[in-house]
Amino acid sequence: MLGKLLITSLAVMGAANAQRNPCSATSTTVESQADLDALQSCTTLAGDLVLGTNLVIATINGIRTIRGDLIAANCVDLQQLTAPELSSIEGKFNMTSLTVLNQLNFNSLRSVGEIYWQTLPALSNLGLAAQVTQAARVTITDTILESLSGINLVTTQRFNINNNRYLKEVKVQLTNITDSLAIEFNSPSVEASFPNLTWANNATFRSCGSVELPSLAVVNGSLGFFENTIETLSAPKLTAVGTGTEGGDITFANNDALVNVSMPQLQTIFGTLQFVNDSNVKEITGFPELSVVHGSIDISGDFENATFPSIRDIRGGFNLQTTAEFDCSEEFDRYEGSIVKGKYVCEGVVTNPGTEGTDPTKNGGSGSNKKSSAGKFTVNKSFAALPALALFAAFVL
């Protein structure tokens, strides 16, 4: 009996000591620098560290690893946040609505479970001297950052950079992105460069000044370019977009400065290829190896020339509508129902070119889906039975 009592007493004492040990707490909220200093003997903090709303200048000394989250939310007076020895945050690094935070000093930080930074309108520099090379997810939105220097990941699940109006460059050494990549609504001149990216699940570029994807070989989901100011887009190693089970589109929409698109090795699109309202695209000739489109080819605008020399199978529809004179050719009309399995529309001199599902209206009357004149739309002669109009794949992100 005495032995059992002793064991029970020791267990109770151990639990009490664990509760008094600040390093092992599930969550710790600090309201002052004194509260932070009380943790400096904790090389590892087992739970979350939450910064209270009264902090103005906060320094996290001593701690090298936080096994939970580091949270600073709605700390409206917080101006500086420093953690000189912190190298790992295993949970989320969450900074939200820190309206006067202007200095961040995390000179040892290399690994983070998730970066989530939102509404930091005074933060212009990341202060990550050691560079974060590991993070499963990154979301940075509504800051005045000019660059992402200090974040240099190799792989990640999600990388979302949006609404950072002074951001000039996004250059990251990522090789693959397993969920989604989104660069949207930053500075209209932002340079988005992913020199080592070979594989992505979904990728969206919106309102960018340039996009560089020299190594991209496969997109497992969809790839979209919207409202960018880029003139030339090249994906020289891209071979496939989408999968047989999930589909996958390529979309170019409202890119007013876009002139040329080149994807010379692209062979298969499991969804739709779409060009819509890209007013300076006069030729769609950058898909010489495209042979199979599981969805549709949907191109509308002001283009004068289009070629798909290797096309052999379009399993959805084919929609080509342009304001320019365009020779669809009676030969292509005969291929309707062979290469193109869905609805076939090809029309030039259209007043308001529309996307798939809209009927073309011509100057002087409705369209006939037959030939107009002038511009060229051609296919490889070896596919003499293939509808040349089935050469454009509509892609919707």
Protein backbone atom coordinates (compact mmCIF):
# COMPACT_ATOMS: atom_id res chain seq x y z
CA MET A 1 0.00 0.00 0.00
CA LEU A 2 2.79 2.37 0.93
CA GLY A 3 4.47 1.70 -2.39
CA LYS A 4 1.29 2.52 -4.30
CA LEU A 5 0.88 5.76 -2.35
CA LEU A 6 4.46 6.74 -3.10
CA ILE A 7 4.04 6.08 -6.82
CA THR A 8 0.79 8.07 -6.88
CA SER A 9 2.42 10.96 -5.04
CA LEU A 10 5.34 11.03 -7.44
CA ALA A 11 2.97 11.03 -10.40
CA VAL A 12 1.02 13.96 -8.98
CA MET A 13 4.22 15.85 -8.27
CA GLY A 14 5.44 15.15 -11.81
CA ALA A 15 2.20 16.45 -13.31
CA ALA A 16 2.38 19.56 -11.15
CA ASN A 17 5.99 20.21 -12.17
CA ALA A 18 5.04 19.74 -15.84
CA GLN A 19 2.29 22.32 -15.45
CA ARG A 20 4.80 24.75 -13.86
CA ASN A 21 7.36 24.12 -16.61
CA PRO A 22 6.75 26.87 -19.18
CA CYS A 23 8.67 24.97 -21.84
CA SER A 24 6.10 22.16 -21.97
CA ALA A 25 2.90 24.19 -22.00
CA THR A 26 0.38 23.48 -24.76
CA SER A 27 0.00 27.21 -25.39
CA THR A 28 1.69 30.25 -23.89
CA THR A 29 0.41 33.81 -24.25
CA VAL A 30 2.85 36.62 -23.52
CA GLU A 31 1.72 40.17 -22.80
CA SER A 32 5.09 41.81 -22.10
CA GLN A 33 8.79 41.50 -22.73
CA ALA A 34 9.11 40.19 -19.18
CA ASP A 35 6.82 37.31 -20.11
CA LEU A 36 9.04 36.54 -23.10
CA ASP A 37 12.20 36.74 -20.99
CA ALA A 38 10.73 34.12 -18.65
CA LEU A 39 10.90 31.66 -21.56
CA GLN A 40 14.50 32.28 -22.61
CA SER A 41 15.74 29.14 -20.85
CA CYS A 42 13.49 27.05 -23.12
CA THR A 43 15.63 25.88 -26.01
CA THR A 44 12.52 24.06 -27.24
CA LEU A 45 8.97 25.27 -26.67
CA ALA A 46 6.56 22.34 -26.84
CA GLY A 47 3.37 24.23 -27.74
CA ASP A 48 2.13 27.48 -29.30
CA LEU A 49 3.58 30.90 -28.54
CA VAL A 50 0.95 33.65 -28.78
CA LEU A 51 1.94 37.32 -28.67
CA GLY A 52 -0.48 39.52 -26.75
CA THR A 53 -1.88 42.79 -28.00
CA ASN A 54 0.12 44.99 -25.59
CA LEU A 55 3.53 44.32 -27.10
CA VAL A 56 5.33 47.11 -28.96
CA ILE A 57 8.85 45.70 -29.36
CA ALA A 58 9.15 41.94 -28.83
CA THR A 59 12.32 39.86 -28.66
CA ILE A 60 12.17 36.08 -28.36
CA ASN A 61 15.47 35.09 -26.79
CA GLY A 62 16.83 31.60 -26.17
CA ILE A 63 14.18 29.59 -28.01
CA ARG A 64 15.50 27.63 -30.99
CA THR A 65 12.49 25.44 -31.78
CA ILE A 66 8.75 26.03 -31.45
CA ARG A 67 6.90 22.77 -31.88
CA GLY A 68 3.55 24.50 -32.21
CA ASP A 69 2.53 27.81 -33.81
CA LEU A 70 3.97 31.29 -33.47
CA ILE A 71 0.98 33.63 -33.54
CA ALA A 72 0.91 37.42 -33.70
CA ALA A 73 -2.60 38.54 -34.60
CA ASN A 74 -4.20 41.97 -34.19
CA CYS A 75 -1.23 43.30 -32.23
CA VAL A 76 -1.94 46.82 -33.42
CA ASP A 77 1.00 48.40 -31.53
CA LEU A 78 3.66 45.82 -32.43
CA GLN A 79 6.46 47.53 -34.34
CA GLN A 80 9.37 45.11 -34.12
CA LEU A 81 9.58 41.34 -33.75
CA THR A 82 12.94 39.65 -33.24
CA ALA A 83 13.98 36.05 -32.62
CA PRO A 84 17.76 35.79 -33.04
CA GLU A 85 18.15 32.07 -32.26
CA LEU A 86 14.87 30.63 -33.52
CA SER A 87 15.61 28.18 -36.34
CA SER A 88 12.42 26.10 -36.58
CA ILE A 89 8.67 26.65 -36.22
CA GLU A 90 7.02 23.29 -36.72
CA GLY A 91 3.50 24.72 -36.87
CA LYS A 92 2.20 27.92 -38.45
CA PHE A 93 4.03 31.24 -38.41
CA ASN A 94 0.93 33.39 -38.33
CA MET A 95 1.19 37.18 -38.55
CA THR A 96 -2.15 38.82 -39.20
CA SER A 97 -3.30 42.46 -39.07
CA LEU A 98 -0.09 43.93 -37.69
CA THR A 99 -0.64 47.41 -39.04
CA VAL A 100 2.56 49.08 -37.74
CA LEU A 101 5.00 46.16 -37.84
CA ASN A 102 7.99 47.50 -39.78
CA GLN A 103 10.88 45.33 -38.68
CA LEU A 104 11.23 41.57 -38.64
CA ASN A 105 14.49 39.93 -37.54
CA PHE A 106 14.55 36.13 -37.71
CA ASN A 107 18.17 35.68 -38.70
CA SER A 108 18.38 31.94 -37.90
CA LEU A 109 15.00 30.75 -39.19
CA ARG A 110 15.24 27.99 -41.79
CA SER A 111 12.24 25.71 -41.37
CA VAL A 112 8.52 26.53 -40.95
CA GLY A 113 5.45 24.32 -41.15
CA GLU A 114 3.39 27.11 -42.72
CA ILE A 115 3.94 30.80 -43.38
CA TYR A 116 0.71 32.79 -43.22
CA TRP A 117 1.20 36.55 -43.31
CA GLN A 118 -1.78 38.79 -43.99
CA THR A 119 -2.26 42.57 -43.74
CA LEU A 120 1.20 43.81 -42.81
CA PRO A 121 1.00 47.23 -44.49
CA ALA A 122 4.22 48.61 -42.96
CA LEU A 123 6.51 45.61 -43.57
CA SER A 124 8.93 46.18 -46.47
CA ASN A 125 11.66 43.65 -45.65
CA LEU A 126 11.45 40.02 -44.55
CA GLY A 127 14.49 39.93 -42.28
CA LEU A 128 15.22 36.25 -42.90
CA ALA A 129 19.00 36.29 -43.21
CA ALA A 130 19.49 32.51 -42.98
CA GLN A 131 16.76 31.93 -45.61
CA VAL A 132 13.73 29.73 -45.08
CA THR A 133 14.33 26.64 -47.18
CA GLN A 134 11.51 24.46 -45.83
CA ALA A 135 7.83 25.36 -45.61
CA ALA A 136 4.86 23.19 -46.56
CA ARG A 137 2.62 26.18 -47.33
CA VAL A 138 3.26 29.89 -47.94
CA THR A 139 0.66 32.66 -48.11
CA ILE A 140 1.78 36.29 -48.16
CA THR A 141 -0.85 38.93 -48.83
CA ASP A 142 -1.32 42.67 -48.35
CA THR A 143 2.20 43.82 -47.49
CA ILE A 144 4.55 46.46 -48.90
CA LEU A 145 7.32 43.94 -49.50
CA GLU A 146 9.47 44.65 -52.56
CA SER A 147 10.97 41.16 -52.76
CA LEU A 148 10.74 37.74 -51.15
CA SER A 149 14.46 37.60 -50.43
CA GLY A 150 14.84 35.24 -47.48
CA ILE A 151 12.38 32.62 -48.74
CA ASN A 152 14.12 30.09 -50.95
CA LEU A 153 12.17 26.84 -50.96
CA VAL A 154 12.92 23.72 -52.97
CA THR A 155 9.55 22.02 -52.62
CA THR A 156 6.21 23.08 -51.17
CA GLN A 157 2.52 22.24 -51.27
CA ARG A 158 1.08 25.71 -51.76
CA PHE A 159 2.72 29.01 -52.71
CA ASN A 160 0.33 31.97 -52.83
CA ILE A 161 1.63 35.52 -53.17
CA ASN A 162 -1.09 38.12 -53.73
CA ASN A 163 -1.99 41.78 -53.28
CA ASN A 164 1.52 43.00 -52.45
CA ARG A 165 1.40 46.20 -54.45
CA TYR A 166 5.13 47.09 -54.26
CA LEU A 167 6.44 43.60 -54.95
CA LYS A 168 8.95 43.76 -57.80
CA GLU A 169 10.19 40.20 -57.99
CA VAL A 170 9.17 36.66 -57.05
CA LYS A 171 12.18 34.47 -57.73
CA VAL A 172 12.19 31.14 -55.89
CA GLN A 173 14.21 27.98 -56.53
CA LEU A 174 11.19 25.67 -56.24
CA THR A 175 11.40 22.39 -58.17
CA ASN A 176 7.84 21.15 -57.57
CA ILE A 177 4.57 22.39 -56.10
CA THR A 178 2.18 19.65 -55.05
CA ASP A 179 -0.98 21.74 -54.54
CA SER A 180 -1.09 25.21 -56.09
CA LEU A 181 1.02 28.13 -57.23
CA ALA A 182 -0.64 31.55 -57.44
CA ILE A 183 1.02 34.90 -58.16
CA GLU A 184 -1.82 37.42 -58.37
CA PHE A 185 -2.64 41.13 -58.03
CA ASN A 186 0.81 42.28 -56.97
CA SER A 187 2.67 45.12 -58.68
CA PRO A 188 1.72 45.03 -62.38
CA SER A 189 5.45 44.93 -63.21
CA VAL A 190 6.29 42.03 -60.88
CA GLU A 191 8.74 39.52 -62.35
CA ALA A 192 7.67 35.96 -61.56
CA SER A 193 10.63 33.65 -62.08
CA PHE A 194 10.75 29.94 -61.27
CA PRO A 195 13.94 28.77 -62.99
CA ASN A 196 13.99 25.26 -61.48
CA LEU A 197 10.27 24.45 -61.39
CA THR A 198 9.71 21.19 -63.28
CA TRP A 199 6.36 20.01 -61.90
CA ALA A 200 3.28 21.78 -60.57
CA ASN A 201 -0.24 20.72 -59.75
CA ASN A 202 -2.03 24.00 -60.51
CA ALA A 203 -0.49 27.34 -61.46
CA THR A 204 -2.09 30.77 -61.88
CA PHE A 205 -0.39 33.99 -62.94
CA ARG A 206 -2.44 37.18 -62.83
CA SER A 207 -1.34 40.80 -63.25
CA CYS A 208 2.35 39.96 -63.75
CA GLY A 209 4.91 41.90 -65.77
CA SER A 210 6.85 38.78 -66.76
CA VAL A 211 6.64 35.04 -66.18
CA GLU A 212 9.61 32.70 -66.59
CA LEU A 213 9.11 28.93 -66.57
CA PRO A 214 12.15 27.57 -68.41
CA SER A 215 12.15 24.12 -66.76
CA LEU A 216 8.44 23.40 -66.36
CA ALA A 217 7.72 19.96 -67.86
CA VAL A 218 4.38 18.84 -66.42
CA VAL A 219 1.34 20.55 -64.91
CA ASN A 220 -0.88 17.99 -63.23
CA GLY A 221 -3.90 20.29 -63.02
CA SER A 222 -4.50 23.60 -64.77
CA LEU A 223 -2.30 26.45 -65.98
CA GLY A 224 -3.72 29.95 -66.36
CA PHE A 225 -2.52 33.41 -67.39
CA PHE A 226 -4.93 36.29 -66.71
CA GLU A 227 -4.69 40.07 -67.16
CA ASN A 228 -0.90 40.07 -67.35
CA THR A 229 1.23 42.70 -69.11
CA ILE A 230 3.69 40.16 -70.50
CA GLU A 231 4.49 40.31 -74.22
CA THR A 232 6.05 36.86 -74.63
CA LEU A 233 5.37 33.63 -72.79
CA SER A 234 7.51 30.54 -73.23
CA ALA A 235 7.37 27.10 -71.62
CA PRO A 236 9.98 25.31 -73.75
CA LYS A 237 9.92 22.00 -71.85
CA LEU A 238 6.22 21.63 -71.08
CA THR A 239 4.92 18.33 -72.47
CA ALA A 240 1.56 17.73 -70.75
CA VAL A 241 -1.16 19.55 -68.83
CA GLY A 242 -3.70 17.68 -66.71
CA THR A 243 -4.46 14.03 -66.08
CA GLY A 244 -6.88 11.52 -67.51
CA THR A 245 -8.92 11.43 -64.29
CA GLU A 246 -8.91 15.11 -63.30
CA GLY A 247 -8.61 16.97 -66.60
CA GLY A 248 -6.58 20.16 -66.80
CA ASP A 249 -6.82 23.36 -68.83
CA ILE A 250 -4.52 26.00 -70.30
CA THR A 251 -6.07 29.46 -70.35
CA PHE A 252 -4.89 32.80 -71.74
CA ALA A 253 -7.43 35.52 -70.94
CA ASN A 254 -7.34 39.31 -71.10
CA ASN A 255 -3.57 39.58 -71.55
CA ASP A 256 -3.66 42.82 -73.54
CA ALA A 257 0.10 43.06 -74.19
CA LEU A 258 0.61 39.40 -75.06
CA VAL A 259 1.98 38.89 -78.57
CA ASN A 260 3.61 35.47 -78.64
CA VAL A 261 3.07 32.13 -76.85
CA SER A 262 5.52 29.27 -77.36
CA MET A 263 5.08 25.75 -75.98
CA PRO A 264 7.07 23.78 -78.57
CA GLN A 265 7.03 20.39 -76.81
CA LEU A 266 3.45 20.35 -75.53
CA GLN A 267 1.76 17.19 -76.78
CA THR A 268 -1.29 16.53 -74.59
CA ILE A 269 -3.91 18.66 -72.85
CA PHE A 270 -6.39 16.74 -70.72
CA GLY A 271 -8.78 19.67 -70.56
CA THR A 272 -9.29 22.72 -72.76
CA LEU A 273 -6.96 25.15 -74.52
CA GLN A 274 -8.43 28.64 -74.48
CA PHE A 275 -7.44 32.05 -75.80
CA VAL A 276 -9.94 34.80 -75.02
CA ASN A 277 -9.61 38.60 -75.30
CA ASP A 278 -5.85 38.59 -75.86
CA SER A 279 -6.10 41.49 -78.24
CA ASN A 280 -2.49 41.59 -79.51
CA VAL A 281 -2.18 37.88 -80.22
CA LYS A 282 -2.30 37.85 -84.01
CA GLU A 283 -0.88 34.36 -84.50
CA ILE A 284 -1.43 31.15 -82.54
CA THR A 285 1.40 29.04 -83.87
CA GLY A 286 3.36 28.06 -80.77
CA PHE A 287 1.97 24.52 -80.34
CA PRO A 288 3.71 22.51 -83.11
CA GLU A 289 3.62 19.16 -81.25
CA LEU A 290 0.12 19.35 -79.78
CA SER A 291 -1.62 16.17 -80.89
CA VAL A 292 -4.39 15.29 -78.38
CA VAL A 293 -6.83 17.56 -76.57
CA HIS A 294 -9.21 15.70 -74.27
CA GLY A 295 -11.40 18.78 -73.84
CA SER A 296 -11.91 21.54 -76.39
CA ILE A 297 -9.96 24.10 -78.34
CA ASP A 298 -11.62 27.45 -77.76
CA ILE A 299 -10.00 30.51 -79.32
CA SER A 300 -11.59 33.89 -79.85
CA GLY A 301 -10.13 37.31 -80.52
CA ASP A 302 -8.43 39.28 -83.27
CA PHE A 303 -5.89 36.73 -84.54
CA GLU A 304 -5.14 36.34 -88.22
CA ASN A 305 -3.31 33.02 -88.30
CA ALA A 306 -3.43 29.73 -86.39
CA THR A 307 -1.67 26.41 -86.91
CA PHE A 308 -1.69 23.05 -85.13
CA PRO A 309 0.42 20.88 -87.44
CA SER A 310 0.35 17.71 -85.28
CA ILE A 311 -3.25 17.67 -84.10
CA ARG A 312 -5.00 14.31 -84.47
CA ASP A 313 -7.70 14.15 -81.78
CA ILE A 314 -9.93 16.76 -80.16
CA ARG A 315 -12.41 14.93 -77.98
CA GLY A 316 -14.50 17.95 -77.12
CA GLY A 317 -15.54 20.84 -79.33
CA PHE A 318 -13.69 23.27 -81.51
CA ASN A 319 -14.51 26.97 -81.46
CA LEU A 320 -12.62 29.51 -83.52
CA GLN A 321 -14.02 33.05 -83.78
CA THR A 322 -12.01 36.08 -84.86
CA THR A 323 -12.63 39.62 -86.06
CA ALA A 324 -10.03 39.15 -88.80
CA GLU A 325 -10.65 37.61 -92.17
CA PHE A 326 -9.90 33.94 -91.74
CA ASP A 327 -9.95 31.02 -94.19
CA CYS A 328 -11.38 28.05 -92.34
CA SER A 329 -11.33 26.06 -95.60
CA GLU A 330 -13.90 23.63 -96.88
CA GLU A 331 -11.32 20.91 -96.30
CA PHE A 332 -11.43 21.55 -92.57
CA ASP A 333 -15.17 21.55 -92.64
CA ARG A 334 -15.07 18.02 -94.03
CA TYR A 335 -13.00 16.93 -91.03
CA GLU A 336 -15.79 17.91 -88.70
CA GLY A 337 -16.78 14.83 -86.69
CA SER A 338 -13.49 13.04 -87.24
CA ILE A 339 -10.83 14.97 -85.34
CA VAL A 340 -13.40 17.10 -83.54
CA LYS A 341 -15.84 14.96 -81.58
CA GLY A 342 -17.96 17.81 -80.25
CA LYS A 343 -19.47 20.94 -81.80
CA TYR A 344 -17.42 22.52 -84.57
CA VAL A 345 -17.42 26.29 -85.16
CA CYS A 346 -14.93 28.22 -87.30
CA GLU A 347 -15.70 31.77 -88.37
CA GLY A 348 -13.83 34.90 -89.39
CA VAL A 349 -14.98 38.53 -89.66
CA VAL A 350 -17.02 38.12 -86.47
CA THR A 351 -18.32 41.30 -84.84
CA ASN A 352 -18.04 40.10 -81.25
CA PRO A 353 -16.01 36.89 -81.09
CA GLY A 354 -17.28 34.61 -78.39
CA THR A 355 -16.13 31.59 -76.44
CA GLU A 356 -17.34 28.04 -76.90
CA GLY A 357 -21.12 27.83 -76.83
CA THR A 358 -21.76 31.25 -78.37
CA ASP A 359 -22.92 31.66 -81.96
CA PRO A 360 -20.69 33.89 -84.09
CA THR A 361 -22.28 37.07 -85.42
CA LYS A 362 -20.67 38.43 -88.55
CA ASN A 363 -20.63 41.88 -90.05
CA GLY A 364 -23.72 41.74 -92.21
CA GLY A 365 -25.28 38.62 -90.74
CA SER A 366 -24.96 35.49 -88.66
CA GLY A 367 -22.12 33.03 -89.12
CA SER A 368 -22.32 29.92 -91.22
CA ASN A 369 -19.49 27.89 -89.63
CA LYS A 370 -17.97 27.72 -93.13
CA LYS A 371 -15.07 29.58 -94.65
CA SER A 372 -14.55 33.31 -94.69
CA SER A 373 -11.32 34.45 -96.34
CA ALA A 374 -7.68 35.52 -96.01
CA GLY A 375 -6.06 34.34 -92.75
CA LYS A 376 -4.75 30.80 -92.46
CA PHE A 377 -5.64 27.92 -90.18
CA THR A 378 -3.63 24.82 -91.03
CA VAL A 379 -2.92 21.28 -89.89
CA ASN A 380 -0.28 18.72 -90.76
CA LYS A 381 -0.98 17.30 -94.20
CA SER A 382 -0.34 13.82 -92.83
CA PHE A 383 -3.60 14.22 -90.94
CA ALA A 384 -5.60 14.96 -94.04
CA ALA A 385 -8.71 13.67 -92.38
CA LEU A 386 -8.38 15.83 -89.30
CA PRO A 387 -10.46 19.01 -88.87
CA ALA A 388 -7.92 21.78 -88.77
CA LEU A 389 -10.31 23.79 -86.71
CA ALA A 390 -9.89 21.24 -83.97
CA LEU A 391 -6.53 22.75 -83.42
CA PHE A 392 -7.36 25.00 -80.48
CA ALA A 393 -8.02 23.70 -77.00
CA ALA A 394 -10.21 25.74 -74.67
CA PHE A 395 -8.67 25.93 -71.22
CA VAL A 396 -10.47 27.20 -68.14
CA LEU A 397 -8.59 27.43 -64.88
